[in-house]
Amino acid sequence: MNPLTPYLCVADCRAAIDWYIAALGAEVTYEPIVMDDGRIGHCELAIGEARWMMSDQFDSAGVAAPDPTRGSAVSLHLMVADVDASAARISATGTTMARGPEDSPPAGRVAVFVDPFGHRWFLNQTVP
């Protein structure tokens, strides 16, 4: 199998790490590499088997966070055991669900939100 690992860019990587831990239950799997100017050049997070890499913005490398006035060009899809519990945890951070939680046959139970850093997420739970 060929895994595809997203590499997210955010405007404030330290805040994003804290938010993903609090809201999604993520864990840091590769400690942040801090650049000379204090920005985070690389870190890795995971939720179960779902993994992603992340950094602060680096204009010199053409790496920019999403523009909040334009919406997300990419959506992240995360399978969870309980969409309702996950959505409640995210909502407790002040983040609004754009959709759901709701049943969406044949996909299952679904919720959608945009995180505080401009990335759009689908939460999905398989329903028997």
Protein backbone atom coordinates (compact mmCIF):
# COMPACT_ATOMS: atom_id res chain seq x y z
CA MET A 1 0.00 0.00 0.00
CA ASN A 2 1.15 3.54 -0.74
CA PRO A 3 0.19 5.88 2.08
CA LEU A 4 -0.55 9.50 1.21
CA THR A 5 0.38 11.83 4.05
CA PRO A 6 -0.95 15.40 3.99
CA TYR A 7 1.46 18.20 4.87
CA LEU A 8 -0.49 21.10 6.35
CA CYS A 9 0.73 24.65 6.55
CA VAL A 10 -0.70 26.88 9.27
CA ALA A 11 -0.17 30.48 10.33
CA ASP A 12 0.64 29.46 13.94
CA CYS A 13 1.97 25.92 14.22
CA ARG A 14 2.30 25.95 18.02
CA ALA A 15 -1.36 26.95 18.40
CA ALA A 16 -2.37 24.37 15.80
CA ILE A 17 -0.56 21.58 17.63
CA ASP A 18 -2.34 22.52 20.85
CA TRP A 19 -5.72 22.74 19.08
CA TYR A 20 -5.40 19.39 17.29
CA ILE A 21 -4.46 17.74 20.58
CA ALA A 22 -7.38 19.32 22.46
CA ALA A 23 -10.04 19.08 19.75
CA LEU A 24 -9.13 15.91 17.89
CA GLY A 25 -7.14 13.95 20.46
CA ALA A 26 -4.05 14.06 18.24
CA GLU A 27 -0.63 13.13 19.51
CA VAL A 28 2.71 14.53 18.40
CA THR A 29 4.68 11.70 16.79
CA TYR A 30 7.66 13.76 15.63
CA GLU A 31 8.69 16.62 17.87
CA PRO A 32 8.65 20.07 16.26
CA ILE A 33 11.81 21.24 14.55
CA VAL A 34 12.19 24.88 15.55
CA MET A 35 13.95 27.11 13.04
CA ASP A 36 16.41 29.86 13.99
CA ASP A 37 13.65 32.47 13.68
CA GLY A 38 11.37 30.53 16.07
CA ARG A 39 8.96 29.15 13.47
CA ILE A 40 8.24 25.45 13.34
CA GLY A 41 9.75 23.97 10.20
CA HIS A 42 8.32 20.49 10.65
CA CYS A 43 6.31 18.32 13.04
CA GLU A 44 4.16 15.23 12.73
CA LEU A 45 0.86 14.37 14.38
CA ALA A 46 -1.42 11.35 14.45
CA ILE A 47 -4.89 10.27 15.44
CA GLY A 48 -4.76 6.50 15.53
CA GLU A 49 -3.41 5.43 12.15
CA ALA A 50 -4.20 8.79 10.52
CA ARG A 51 -1.04 10.87 10.24
CA TRP A 52 -0.08 14.27 8.92
CA MET A 53 2.88 16.62 8.84
CA MET A 54 2.69 20.32 9.55
CA SER A 55 4.72 23.53 9.55
CA ASP A 56 4.45 27.27 9.89
CA GLN A 57 4.31 29.43 6.77
CA PHE A 58 7.51 29.94 4.79
CA ASP A 59 7.11 32.50 2.00
CA SER A 60 10.65 31.78 0.81
CA ALA A 61 9.62 28.18 0.06
CA GLY A 62 6.17 29.02 -1.30
CA VAL A 63 4.47 27.41 1.71
CA ALA A 64 1.38 29.30 2.84
CA ALA A 65 -1.57 28.69 5.13
CA PRO A 66 -5.07 28.64 3.63
CA ASP A 67 -6.55 32.03 2.80
CA PRO A 68 -9.64 32.28 5.05
CA THR A 69 -11.42 34.49 2.50
CA ARG A 70 -11.28 31.77 -0.18
CA GLY A 71 -12.24 28.52 1.52
CA SER A 72 -10.34 25.26 1.48
CA ALA A 73 -8.94 23.75 -1.70
CA VAL A 74 -8.55 20.34 -0.01
CA SER A 75 -10.70 18.51 2.54
CA LEU A 76 -9.33 16.02 5.04
CA HIS A 77 -11.39 12.91 5.78
CA LEU A 78 -11.02 11.30 9.20
CA MET A 79 -12.70 8.05 10.23
CA VAL A 80 -13.72 8.15 13.90
CA ALA A 81 -15.44 5.71 16.24
CA ASP A 82 -18.10 8.23 17.33
CA VAL A 83 -18.89 11.26 15.14
CA ASP A 84 -21.18 12.79 17.74
CA ALA A 85 -18.57 12.64 20.51
CA SER A 86 -15.87 13.98 18.18
CA ALA A 87 -18.11 16.82 17.00
CA ALA A 88 -18.97 17.72 20.60
CA ARG A 89 -15.27 17.85 21.53
CA ILE A 90 -14.53 20.09 18.54
CA SER A 91 -17.54 22.31 19.23
CA ALA A 92 -16.35 22.73 22.84
CA THR A 93 -13.32 24.61 21.43
CA GLY A 94 -15.66 27.19 19.88
CA THR A 95 -15.47 25.69 16.40
CA THR A 96 -18.77 25.52 14.54
CA MET A 97 -19.84 22.47 12.58
CA ALA A 98 -20.50 23.37 8.95
CA ARG A 99 -22.62 20.22 8.65
CA GLY A 100 -23.97 17.61 11.01
CA PRO A 101 -23.48 15.42 12.79
CA GLU A 102 -26.00 13.66 10.59
CA ASP A 103 -26.72 10.35 8.96
CA SER A 104 -25.65 10.43 5.33
CA PRO A 105 -26.32 7.08 3.63
CA PRO A 106 -24.39 5.30 2.33
CA ALA A 107 -21.40 7.11 3.90
CA GLY A 108 -22.61 6.64 7.47
CA ARG A 109 -22.64 9.32 10.17
CA VAL A 110 -20.91 12.53 9.05
CA ALA A 111 -19.91 15.93 10.38
CA VAL A 112 -17.92 18.68 8.66
CA PHE A 113 -16.00 21.61 10.13
CA VAL A 114 -13.29 24.10 9.24
CA ASP A 115 -10.58 24.22 11.87
CA PRO A 116 -9.27 27.57 13.20
CA PHE A 117 -6.35 27.33 10.76
CA GLY A 118 -8.49 27.15 7.61
CA HIS A 119 -8.43 23.41 6.93
CA ARG A 120 -11.74 21.64 6.14
CA TRP A 121 -12.33 18.27 7.81
CA PHE A 122 -14.91 15.51 7.33
CA LEU A 123 -15.55 13.25 10.31
CA ASN A 124 -17.03 9.93 9.28
CA GLN A 125 -18.36 6.99 11.28
CA THR A 126 -19.38 3.76 9.62
CA VAL A 127 -22.89 2.84 10.68
CA PRO A 128 -24.03 -0.78 10.35
